[in-house]
């Protein structure tokens, strides 16, 4: 009776089909992945501008103090009334720039609320400044 001995080269595993499947799966996942683009805040710093000559050219200034209170000009306002106040200011001075002067210890939530309210009120140009 003849016995058949296998050589070492006959016992190798061919991994080429497995690599083909892995590459096909990789291409499938790359193609089907949806890329999410997150939105952020477009914030510009106030530029050095020449002297302002008329009241219509004056900026609208909202201050956020360290106790997170909101001040529009020289009066304190509530967060719920912010959109209405900014709409009124924008109606009086439609070309005015909004400057949000936030204290360094103020909550970021207040800053985001002011920027969102300005967008709702239709104010196009918003600048952010930090105050001590």
Protein backbone atom coordinates (compact mmCIF):
# COMPACT_ATOMS: atom_id res chain seq x y z
CA UNK A 1 0.00 0.00 0.00
CA UNK A 2 1.30 3.35 -0.99
CA UNK A 3 1.05 6.22 1.44
CA UNK A 4 0.87 9.72 0.17
CA UNK A 5 2.95 12.23 2.10
CA UNK A 6 2.03 15.86 1.71
CA UNK A 7 4.83 18.28 1.23
CA UNK A 8 4.98 21.47 3.23
CA UNK A 9 4.07 23.61 0.23
CA UNK A 10 0.70 21.80 -0.13
CA UNK A 11 -0.42 22.82 3.37
CA UNK A 12 -0.12 26.60 2.92
CA UNK A 13 -3.31 28.63 3.23
CA UNK A 14 -4.08 30.94 0.33
CA UNK A 15 -5.22 34.29 1.85
CA UNK A 16 -5.67 36.11 -1.47
CA UNK A 17 -9.49 35.67 -1.56
CA UNK A 18 -9.74 36.89 2.03
CA UNK A 19 -7.71 40.02 1.18
CA UNK A 20 -9.94 40.65 -1.84
CA UNK A 21 -13.04 40.52 0.36
CA UNK A 22 -11.46 42.85 2.96
CA UNK A 23 -10.57 45.43 0.29
CA UNK A 24 -14.05 45.24 -1.24
CA UNK A 25 -15.60 45.78 2.22
CA UNK A 26 -13.25 48.71 2.85
CA UNK A 27 -14.27 50.35 -0.42
CA UNK A 28 -17.94 49.72 0.39
CA UNK A 29 -17.69 51.39 3.81
CA UNK A 30 -15.76 54.36 2.44
CA UNK A 31 -18.30 54.95 -0.31
CA UNK A 32 -21.38 54.53 1.90
CA UNK A 33 -20.12 56.63 4.82
CA UNK A 34 -21.96 59.92 5.12
CA UNK A 35 -19.80 62.83 6.04
CA UNK A 36 -21.36 65.27 8.50
CA UNK A 37 -20.45 68.91 8.28
CA UNK A 38 -20.92 70.67 11.59
CA UNK A 39 -21.86 74.30 11.70
CA UNK A 40 -20.03 76.74 13.89
CA UNK A 41 -20.14 80.37 14.77
CA UNK A 42 -18.55 82.84 12.41
CA UNK A 43 -17.04 85.37 14.74
CA UNK A 44 -15.02 88.36 13.62
CA UNK A 45 -13.05 90.67 15.83
CA UNK A 46 -13.76 94.39 15.65
CA UNK A 47 -11.44 96.13 13.24
CA UNK A 48 -9.76 99.47 13.71
CA UNK A 49 -12.20 101.85 12.08
CA UNK A 50 -12.04 105.60 11.53
CA UNK A 51 -13.98 108.01 13.71
CA UNK A 52 -17.74 107.43 13.76
CA UNK A 53 -19.53 110.67 12.92
CA UNK A 54 -23.29 109.98 13.05
CA UNK A 55 -25.48 108.15 15.53
CA UNK A 56 -26.66 105.82 12.76
CA UNK A 57 -23.07 104.64 12.33
CA UNK A 58 -22.64 103.81 16.02
CA UNK A 59 -22.49 100.10 16.78
CA UNK A 60 -25.08 98.25 18.83
CA UNK A 61 -23.27 97.07 21.96
CA UNK A 62 -24.45 94.19 24.12
CA UNK A 63 -22.39 93.63 27.26
CA UNK A 64 -22.31 90.37 29.20
CA UNK A 65 -21.08 90.99 32.73
CA UNK A 66 -19.34 88.46 34.96
CA UNK A 67 -22.68 87.70 36.68
CA UNK A 68 -24.09 86.80 33.20
CA UNK A 69 -26.40 89.82 33.13
CA UNK A 70 -27.10 91.30 29.70
CA UNK A 71 -26.84 95.04 29.06
CA UNK A 72 -27.93 96.75 25.86
CA UNK A 73 -26.44 100.21 25.91
CA UNK A 74 -26.93 101.51 29.46
CA UNK A 75 -29.93 99.37 30.46
CA UNK A 76 -30.14 95.82 31.68
CA UNK A 77 -32.34 93.45 29.68
CA UNK A 78 -33.64 89.94 30.19
CA UNK A 79 -32.56 87.10 27.94
CA UNK A 80 -36.17 86.51 26.86
CA UNK A 81 -36.46 90.12 25.64
CA UNK A 82 -33.15 90.09 23.79
CA UNK A 83 -34.54 89.32 20.31
CA UNK A 84 -37.20 92.04 20.54
CA UNK A 85 -34.68 94.65 21.72
CA UNK A 86 -32.21 93.74 18.97
CA UNK A 87 -35.00 93.89 16.35
CA UNK A 88 -35.88 97.39 17.55
CA UNK A 89 -32.25 98.49 17.43
CA UNK A 90 -31.83 96.96 13.98
CA UNK A 91 -34.96 98.76 12.73
CA UNK A 92 -33.58 102.11 13.93
CA UNK A 93 -30.07 101.46 12.60
CA UNK A 94 -30.19 98.75 9.91
CA UNK A 95 -26.54 99.13 8.89
CA UNK A 96 -25.16 99.10 12.45
CA UNK A 97 -22.68 96.50 13.60
CA UNK A 98 -23.39 94.45 16.73
CA UNK A 99 -20.53 94.22 19.21
CA UNK A 100 -20.88 91.60 21.94
CA UNK A 101 -18.54 92.55 24.80
CA UNK A 102 -18.40 89.49 27.03
CA UNK A 103 -16.63 89.37 30.37
CA UNK A 104 -13.97 86.66 30.50
CA UNK A 105 -15.82 84.93 33.36
CA UNK A 106 -19.23 84.99 31.63
CA UNK A 107 -20.82 81.78 30.44
CA UNK A 108 -20.36 80.85 26.81
CA UNK A 109 -24.06 79.99 26.75
CA UNK A 110 -24.90 83.69 27.15
CA UNK A 111 -22.60 84.62 24.27
CA UNK A 112 -24.18 82.00 22.00
CA UNK A 113 -27.66 83.20 23.02
CA UNK A 114 -26.78 86.79 22.05
CA UNK A 115 -25.33 85.71 18.69
CA UNK A 116 -28.38 83.54 17.97
CA UNK A 117 -30.73 86.38 18.92
CA UNK A 118 -28.83 88.73 16.60
CA UNK A 119 -29.22 86.30 13.72
CA UNK A 120 -32.96 86.05 14.41
CA UNK A 121 -33.20 89.86 14.59
CA UNK A 122 -31.58 90.12 11.16
CA UNK A 123 -28.28 91.66 12.21
CA UNK A 124 -25.67 90.66 9.64
CA UNK A 125 -22.37 91.84 11.12
CA UNK A 126 -21.50 90.58 14.60
CA UNK A 127 -18.21 91.12 16.40
CA UNK A 128 -17.11 89.68 19.72
CA UNK A 129 -14.83 91.39 22.23
CA UNK A 130 -13.57 90.26 25.61
CA UNK A 131 -13.62 92.60 28.59
CA UNK A 132 -11.98 92.33 31.98
